[in-house]
Amino acid sequence: MDLAGRKRALRRHVRGMPAVDAQHSLRAGRAAAAIVEAQPRFARARRIALFAALGDEIASQPLFELAVRTGRECVFPRCLDGGELDFARVLDWGALRVGARGALEPPGEASAVRLAGCDLAFLPGVAFDRWGGRLGRGAGYYDRALSKPRAELPFLCGLSYAFQVVDRVPMGPRDIRVDAVASETAWFEARREPGELRE
């Protein structure tokens, strides 16, 4: 099976797992936020990139509330024409608006900020692995937004349910790896592939 086929198969596998209701999602999101709060990476971060979770993703609002409560600046992605993302500062969850792809995002009038100015960025995903592999929904928004020299990127952390962490995510040369994954049960930093250098 080719790379695209293996990705489709993994998406079907993860999405075929029992659905998580809103209350479970919120409890899991709170547990993940508590785990993140204990991490040195979070303690050092002043500006954080987040995302507003969709209905099948672990709730991200508790992490936003933690960041605001502890004095961090938060930015959220916004989908642009041409399949690109930009990021804008968000002070209040209620300021988010439904975007073109159905996700909550900053309003169009909010000024864009550079992702490179963030210390820590949380990414959604359908699946992750312990080597930092990430499987998105297939549109490539994050892979394009993060296709920059490593030195220009913040520390990247997947935010997911524990059941979304799999043995291996099929990865192509343009797919972006995360540096860590946070779930409702654990935080782990990605293992290095043989011969790979990480900062």
C-alpha atoms as a PDB file:
ATOM      1  CA  MET A   1       0.000   0.000   0.000  1.00  0.00           C
ATOM      2  CA  ASP A   2       1.343   3.445  -0.869  1.00  0.00           C
ATOM      3  CA  LEU A   3       1.810   6.289   1.634  1.00  0.00           C
ATOM      4  CA  ALA A   4      -1.547   7.923   0.884  1.00  0.00           C
ATOM      5  CA  GLY A   5      -3.312   4.591   1.265  1.00  0.00           C
ATOM      6  CA  ARG A   6      -1.621   3.881   4.597  1.00  0.00           C
ATOM      7  CA  LYS A   7      -2.649   7.314   5.850  1.00  0.00           C
ATOM      8  CA  ARG A   8      -6.260   6.744   4.778  1.00  0.00           C
ATOM      9  CA  ALA A   9      -6.277   3.374   6.506  1.00  0.00           C
ATOM     10  CA  LEU A  10      -4.968   4.859   9.762  1.00  0.00           C
ATOM     11  CA  ARG A  11      -7.534   7.663   9.655  1.00  0.00           C
ATOM     12  CA  ARG A  12     -10.305   5.070   9.196  1.00  0.00           C
ATOM     13  CA  HIS A  13      -8.904   3.014  12.066  1.00  0.00           C
ATOM     14  CA  VAL A  14      -8.761   5.907  14.538  1.00  0.00           C
ATOM     15  CA  ARG A  15     -12.093   7.353  13.483  1.00  0.00           C
ATOM     16  CA  GLY A  16     -13.645   3.910  13.807  1.00  0.00           C
ATOM     17  CA  MET A  17     -13.009   3.905  17.547  1.00  0.00           C
ATOM     18  CA  PRO A  18     -15.951   4.635  19.876  1.00  0.00           C
ATOM     19  CA  ALA A  19     -17.023   8.280  19.805  1.00  0.00           C
ATOM     20  CA  VAL A  20     -16.170  10.491  22.785  1.00  0.00           C
ATOM     21  CA  ASP A  21     -18.956  12.680  24.137  1.00  0.00           C
ATOM     22  CA  ALA A  22     -18.553  16.337  25.038  1.00  0.00           C
ATOM     23  CA  GLN A  23     -18.327  15.720  28.807  1.00  0.00           C
ATOM     24  CA  HIS A  24     -15.570  13.121  28.384  1.00  0.00           C
ATOM     25  CA  SER A  25     -13.753  15.448  25.992  1.00  0.00           C
ATOM     26  CA  LEU A  26     -13.856  18.257  28.540  1.00  0.00           C
ATOM     27  CA  ARG A  27     -12.639  16.021  31.381  1.00  0.00           C
ATOM     28  CA  ALA A  28      -9.829  14.746  29.179  1.00  0.00           C
ATOM     29  CA  GLY A  29      -8.941  18.303  28.156  1.00  0.00           C
ATOM     30  CA  ARG A  30      -8.720  19.374  31.792  1.00  0.00           C
ATOM     31  CA  ALA A  31      -6.520  16.387  32.617  1.00  0.00           C
ATOM     32  CA  ALA A  32      -4.235  17.178  29.664  1.00  0.00           C
ATOM     33  CA  ALA A  33      -4.007  20.828  30.749  1.00  0.00           C
ATOM     34  CA  ALA A  34      -2.949  19.756  34.254  1.00  0.00           C
ATOM     35  CA  ILE A  35      -0.225  17.553  32.775  1.00  0.00           C
ATOM     36  CA  VAL A  36       0.965  20.383  30.506  1.00  0.00           C
ATOM     37  CA  GLU A  37       1.074  22.807  33.450  1.00  0.00           C
ATOM     38  CA  ALA A  38       3.658  20.593  35.165  1.00  0.00           C
ATOM     39  CA  GLN A  39       6.057  20.641  32.204  1.00  0.00           C
ATOM     40  CA  PRO A  40       9.195  22.828  32.131  1.00  0.00           C
ATOM     41  CA  ARG A  41       8.420  23.648  28.481  1.00  0.00           C
ATOM     42  CA  PHE A  42       5.179  25.277  29.574  1.00  0.00           C
ATOM     43  CA  ALA A  43       6.814  27.046  32.499  1.00  0.00           C
ATOM     44  CA  ARG A  44       9.282  28.735  30.130  1.00  0.00           C
ATOM     45  CA  ALA A  45       6.715  29.638  27.445  1.00  0.00           C
ATOM     46  CA  ARG A  46       5.438  33.209  27.223  1.00  0.00           C
ATOM     47  CA  ARG A  47       3.530  33.021  23.916  1.00  0.00           C
ATOM     48  CA  ILE A  48       1.635  29.850  23.009  1.00  0.00           C
ATOM     49  CA  ALA A  49      -0.091  28.770  19.799  1.00  0.00           C
ATOM     50  CA  LEU A  50      -3.291  26.804  20.374  1.00  0.00           C
ATOM     51  CA  PHE A  51      -6.256  25.641  18.317  1.00  0.00           C
ATOM     52  CA  ALA A  52      -9.982  25.365  18.945  1.00  0.00           C
ATOM     53  CA  ALA A  53     -10.790  21.657  19.010  1.00  0.00           C
ATOM     54  CA  LEU A  54     -13.403  20.189  16.710  1.00  0.00           C
ATOM     55  CA  GLY A  55     -16.070  17.863  18.078  1.00  0.00           C
ATOM     56  CA  ASP A  56     -13.986  14.710  17.641  1.00  0.00           C
ATOM     57  CA  GLU A  57     -10.852  16.197  19.257  1.00  0.00           C
ATOM     58  CA  ILE A  58      -9.818  16.508  22.886  1.00  0.00           C
ATOM     59  CA  ALA A  59     -11.098  19.778  24.337  1.00  0.00           C
ATOM     60  CA  SER A  60      -8.517  22.551  24.048  1.00  0.00           C
ATOM     61  CA  GLN A  61     -10.413  25.281  25.935  1.00  0.00           C
ATOM     62  CA  PRO A  62      -9.047  24.126  29.341  1.00  0.00           C
ATOM     63  CA  LEU A  63      -5.506  24.593  28.037  1.00  0.00           C
ATOM     64  CA  PHE A  64      -6.389  28.077  26.768  1.00  0.00           C
ATOM     65  CA  GLU A  65      -7.904  28.948  30.155  1.00  0.00           C
ATOM     66  CA  LEU A  66      -4.750  27.708  31.904  1.00  0.00           C
ATOM     67  CA  ALA A  67      -2.546  29.782  29.607  1.00  0.00           C
ATOM     68  CA  VAL A  68      -4.593  32.946  30.158  1.00  0.00           C
ATOM     69  CA  ARG A  69      -4.785  32.377  33.921  1.00  0.00           C
ATOM     70  CA  THR A  70      -1.003  32.036  34.137  1.00  0.00           C
ATOM     71  CA  GLY A  71      -0.279  35.134  32.052  1.00  0.00           C
ATOM     72  CA  ARG A  72       0.614  33.595  28.684  1.00  0.00           C
ATOM     73  CA  GLU A  73      -0.234  35.236  25.386  1.00  0.00           C
ATOM     74  CA  CYS A  74      -2.209  32.927  23.078  1.00  0.00           C
ATOM     75  CA  VAL A  75      -2.482  32.844  19.311  1.00  0.00           C
ATOM     76  CA  PHE A  76      -4.837  30.716  17.201  1.00  0.00           C
ATOM     77  CA  PRO A  77      -4.705  29.636  13.560  1.00  0.00           C
ATOM     78  CA  ARG A  78      -6.932  31.082  10.872  1.00  0.00           C
ATOM     79  CA  CYS A  79      -7.532  29.436   7.470  1.00  0.00           C
ATOM     80  CA  LEU A  80      -6.774  31.638   4.466  1.00  0.00           C
ATOM     81  CA  ASP A  81      -7.539  31.260   0.789  1.00  0.00           C
ATOM     82  CA  GLY A  82      -5.127  28.949  -0.989  1.00  0.00           C
ATOM     83  CA  GLY A  83      -4.868  26.453   1.858  1.00  0.00           C
ATOM     84  CA  GLU A  84      -2.637  28.592   4.078  1.00  0.00           C
ATOM     85  CA  LEU A  85      -2.755  29.339   7.798  1.00  0.00           C
ATOM     86  CA  ASP A  86      -1.913  32.484   9.662  1.00  0.00           C
ATOM     87  CA  PHE A  87      -2.130  33.146  13.397  1.00  0.00           C
ATOM     88  CA  ALA A  88      -3.692  35.928  15.441  1.00  0.00           C
ATOM     89  CA  ARG A  89      -3.773  36.778  19.130  1.00  0.00           C
ATOM     90  CA  VAL A  90      -6.879  35.776  21.105  1.00  0.00           C
ATOM     91  CA  LEU A  91      -7.682  37.233  24.519  1.00  0.00           C
ATOM     92  CA  ASP A  92     -11.071  35.615  25.068  1.00  0.00           C
ATOM     93  CA  TRP A  93     -12.462  32.286  23.847  1.00  0.00           C
ATOM     94  CA  GLY A  94     -15.724  34.050  23.054  1.00  0.00           C
ATOM     95  CA  ALA A  95     -13.940  36.162  20.431  1.00  0.00           C
ATOM     96  CA  LEU A  96     -13.416  33.107  18.199  1.00  0.00           C
ATOM     97  CA  ARG A  97     -15.661  32.776  15.158  1.00  0.00           C
ATOM     98  CA  VAL A  98     -16.591  29.835  12.945  1.00  0.00           C
ATOM     99  CA  GLY A  99     -14.230  29.829   9.960  1.00  0.00           C
ATOM    100  CA  ALA A 100     -14.570  28.516   6.440  1.00  0.00           C
ATOM    101  CA  ARG A 101     -13.689  24.933   7.442  1.00  0.00           C
ATOM    102  CA  GLY A 102     -16.033  24.829  10.432  1.00  0.00           C
ATOM    103  CA  ALA A 103     -13.435  25.391  13.164  1.00  0.00           C
ATOM    104  CA  LEU A 104     -13.417  28.316  15.564  1.00  0.00           C
ATOM    105  CA  GLU A 105     -10.703  30.804  14.669  1.00  0.00           C
ATOM    106  CA  PRO A 106      -9.757  34.455  15.226  1.00  0.00           C
ATOM    107  CA  PRO A 107     -11.950  36.989  13.419  1.00  0.00           C
ATOM    108  CA  GLY A 108     -10.712  38.347  10.122  1.00  0.00           C
ATOM    109  CA  GLU A 109      -9.966  41.800  11.521  1.00  0.00           C
ATOM    110  CA  ALA A 110      -7.520  40.432  14.125  1.00  0.00           C
ATOM    111  CA  SER A 111      -3.938  41.309  13.237  1.00  0.00           C
ATOM    112  CA  ALA A 112      -1.731  38.402  12.202  1.00  0.00           C
ATOM    113  CA  VAL A 113       1.300  37.513  14.316  1.00  0.00           C
ATOM    114  CA  ARG A 114       4.336  35.429  13.413  1.00  0.00           C
ATOM    115  CA  LEU A 115       4.311  31.828  14.589  1.00  0.00           C
ATOM    116  CA  ALA A 116       8.084  32.133  14.976  1.00  0.00           C
ATOM    117  CA  GLY A 117       7.419  34.432  17.925  1.00  0.00           C
ATOM    118  CA  CYS A 118       5.795  31.597  19.875  1.00  0.00           C
ATOM    119  CA  ASP A 119       7.682  29.468  22.372  1.00  0.00           C
ATOM    120  CA  LEU A 120       5.295  26.513  22.301  1.00  0.00           C
ATOM    121  CA  ALA A 121       2.703  25.441  19.727  1.00  0.00           C
ATOM    122  CA  PHE A 122      -0.015  22.818  20.215  1.00  0.00           C
ATOM    123  CA  LEU A 123      -1.195  20.991  17.105  1.00  0.00           C
ATOM    124  CA  PRO A 124      -4.287  18.877  16.485  1.00  0.00           C
ATOM    125  CA  GLY A 125      -4.033  15.524  14.765  1.00  0.00           C
ATOM    126  CA  VAL A 126      -5.865  12.320  13.991  1.00  0.00           C
ATOM    127  CA  ALA A 127      -2.930  10.238  15.276  1.00  0.00           C
ATOM    128  CA  PHE A 128       0.567  10.634  16.704  1.00  0.00           C
ATOM    129  CA  ASP A 129       3.435   8.297  17.488  1.00  0.00           C
ATOM    130  CA  ARG A 130       6.393   8.286  19.884  1.00  0.00           C
ATOM    131  CA  TRP A 131       8.791   9.424  17.164  1.00  0.00           C
ATOM    132  CA  GLY A 132       6.836  12.646  16.679  1.00  0.00           C
ATOM    133  CA  GLY A 133       4.888  11.385  13.694  1.00  0.00           C
ATOM    134  CA  ARG A 134       1.650  13.284  13.154  1.00  0.00           C
ATOM    135  CA  LEU A 135      -1.307  12.416  10.952  1.00  0.00           C
ATOM    136  CA  GLY A 136      -3.563  15.356  10.165  1.00  0.00           C
ATOM    137  CA  ARG A 137      -6.912  15.427   8.443  1.00  0.00           C
ATOM    138  CA  GLY A 138      -5.299  15.460   5.020  1.00  0.00           C
ATOM    139  CA  ALA A 139      -5.594  19.099   3.946  1.00  0.00           C
ATOM    140  CA  GLY A 140      -1.947  19.913   4.774  1.00  0.00           C
ATOM    141  CA  TYR A 141      -2.583  23.273   6.454  1.00  0.00           C
ATOM    142  CA  TYR A 142      -0.148  22.711   9.300  1.00  0.00           C
ATOM    143  CA  ASP A 143       2.491  21.027   7.148  1.00  0.00           C
ATOM    144  CA  ARG A 144       2.567  24.119   4.911  1.00  0.00           C
ATOM    145  CA  ALA A 145       2.526  26.555   7.834  1.00  0.00           C
ATOM    146  CA  LEU A 146       5.412  24.727   9.488  1.00  0.00           C
ATOM    147  CA  SER A 147       7.560  24.114   6.415  1.00  0.00           C
ATOM    148  CA  LYS A 148      10.261  26.481   7.652  1.00  0.00           C
ATOM    149  CA  PRO A 149      13.798  25.986   8.957  1.00  0.00           C
ATOM    150  CA  ARG A 150      13.705  24.289  12.345  1.00  0.00           C
ATOM    151  CA  ALA A 151      15.236  27.322  14.038  1.00  0.00           C
ATOM    152  CA  GLU A 152      12.222  29.430  12.987  1.00  0.00           C
ATOM    153  CA  LEU A 153       9.674  27.121  14.618  1.00  0.00           C
ATOM    154  CA  PRO A 154       8.464  26.939  18.213  1.00  0.00           C
ATOM    155  CA  PHE A 155       8.555  23.697  20.185  1.00  0.00           C
ATOM    156  CA  LEU A 156       5.742  21.645  18.620  1.00  0.00           C
ATOM    157  CA  CYS A 157       3.432  19.554  20.765  1.00  0.00           C
ATOM    158  CA  GLY A 158       0.558  17.377  19.615  1.00  0.00           C
ATOM    159  CA  LEU A 159      -2.582  17.554  21.752  1.00  0.00           C
ATOM    160  CA  SER A 160      -4.640  14.378  21.590  1.00  0.00           C
ATOM    161  CA  TYR A 161      -6.463  11.611  23.375  1.00  0.00           C
ATOM    162  CA  ALA A 162      -4.258   8.771  24.607  1.00  0.00           C
ATOM    163  CA  PHE A 163      -5.977   6.372  22.191  1.00  0.00           C
ATOM    164  CA  GLN A 164      -4.741   8.478  19.267  1.00  0.00           C
ATOM    165  CA  VAL A 165      -1.126   7.587  20.055  1.00  0.00           C
ATOM    166  CA  VAL A 166      -0.306   4.667  17.755  1.00  0.00           C
ATOM    167  CA  ASP A 167       2.745   2.486  17.044  1.00  0.00           C
ATOM    168  CA  ARG A 168       3.690   4.314  13.855  1.00  0.00           C
ATOM    169  CA  VAL A 169       2.258   7.129  11.749  1.00  0.00           C
ATOM    170  CA  PRO A 170       3.061   6.880   8.006  1.00  0.00           C
ATOM    171  CA  MET A 171       5.230   9.902   7.221  1.00  0.00           C
ATOM    172  CA  GLY A 172       6.325  11.466   3.946  1.00  0.00           C
ATOM    173  CA  PRO A 173       9.182  13.923   3.376  1.00  0.00           C
ATOM    174  CA  ARG A 174       6.879  16.962   3.638  1.00  0.00           C
ATOM    175  CA  ASP A 175       5.131  15.834   6.810  1.00  0.00           C
ATOM    176  CA  ILE A 176       6.087  17.792   9.919  1.00  0.00           C
ATOM    177  CA  ARG A 177       7.008  15.954  13.104  1.00  0.00           C
ATOM    178  CA  VAL A 178       6.118  17.220  16.555  1.00  0.00           C
ATOM    179  CA  ASP A 179       8.607  17.435  19.419  1.00  0.00           C
ATOM    180  CA  ALA A 180       6.218  16.101  22.063  1.00  0.00           C
ATOM    181  CA  VAL A 181       2.667  14.857  22.598  1.00  0.00           C
ATOM    182  CA  ALA A 182       0.315  15.718  25.466  1.00  0.00           C
ATOM    183  CA  SER A 183      -2.770  13.652  26.234  1.00  0.00           C
ATOM    184  CA  GLU A 184      -5.084  13.183  29.208  1.00  0.00           C
ATOM    185  CA  THR A 185      -2.713  10.548  30.624  1.00  0.00           C
ATOM    186  CA  ALA A 186       0.831  11.637  29.775  1.00  0.00           C
ATOM    187  CA  TRP A 187       3.340  13.990  28.202  1.00  0.00           C
ATOM    188  CA  PHE A 188       6.193  12.470  26.238  1.00  0.00           C
ATOM    189  CA  GLU A 189       8.920  14.012  24.137  1.00  0.00           C
ATOM    190  CA  ALA A 190       9.526  12.424  20.760  1.00  0.00           C
ATOM    191  CA  ARG A 191      12.232   9.838  20.298  1.00  0.00           C
ATOM    192  CA  ARG A 192      14.816  10.492  17.635  1.00  0.00           C
ATOM    193  CA  GLU A 193      14.895   8.499  14.458  1.00  0.00           C
ATOM    194  CA  PRO A 194      18.264   6.812  13.784  1.00  0.00           C
ATOM    195  CA  GLY A 195      20.674   9.451  12.461  1.00  0.00           C
ATOM    196  CA  GLU A 196      18.245  12.326  13.112  1.00  0.00           C
ATOM    197  CA  LEU A 197      19.424  15.530  14.740  1.00  0.00           C
ATOM    198  CA  ARG A 198      17.057  17.557  16.884  1.00  0.00           C
ATOM    199  CA  GLU A 199      17.682  20.858  18.594  1.00  0.00           C
END
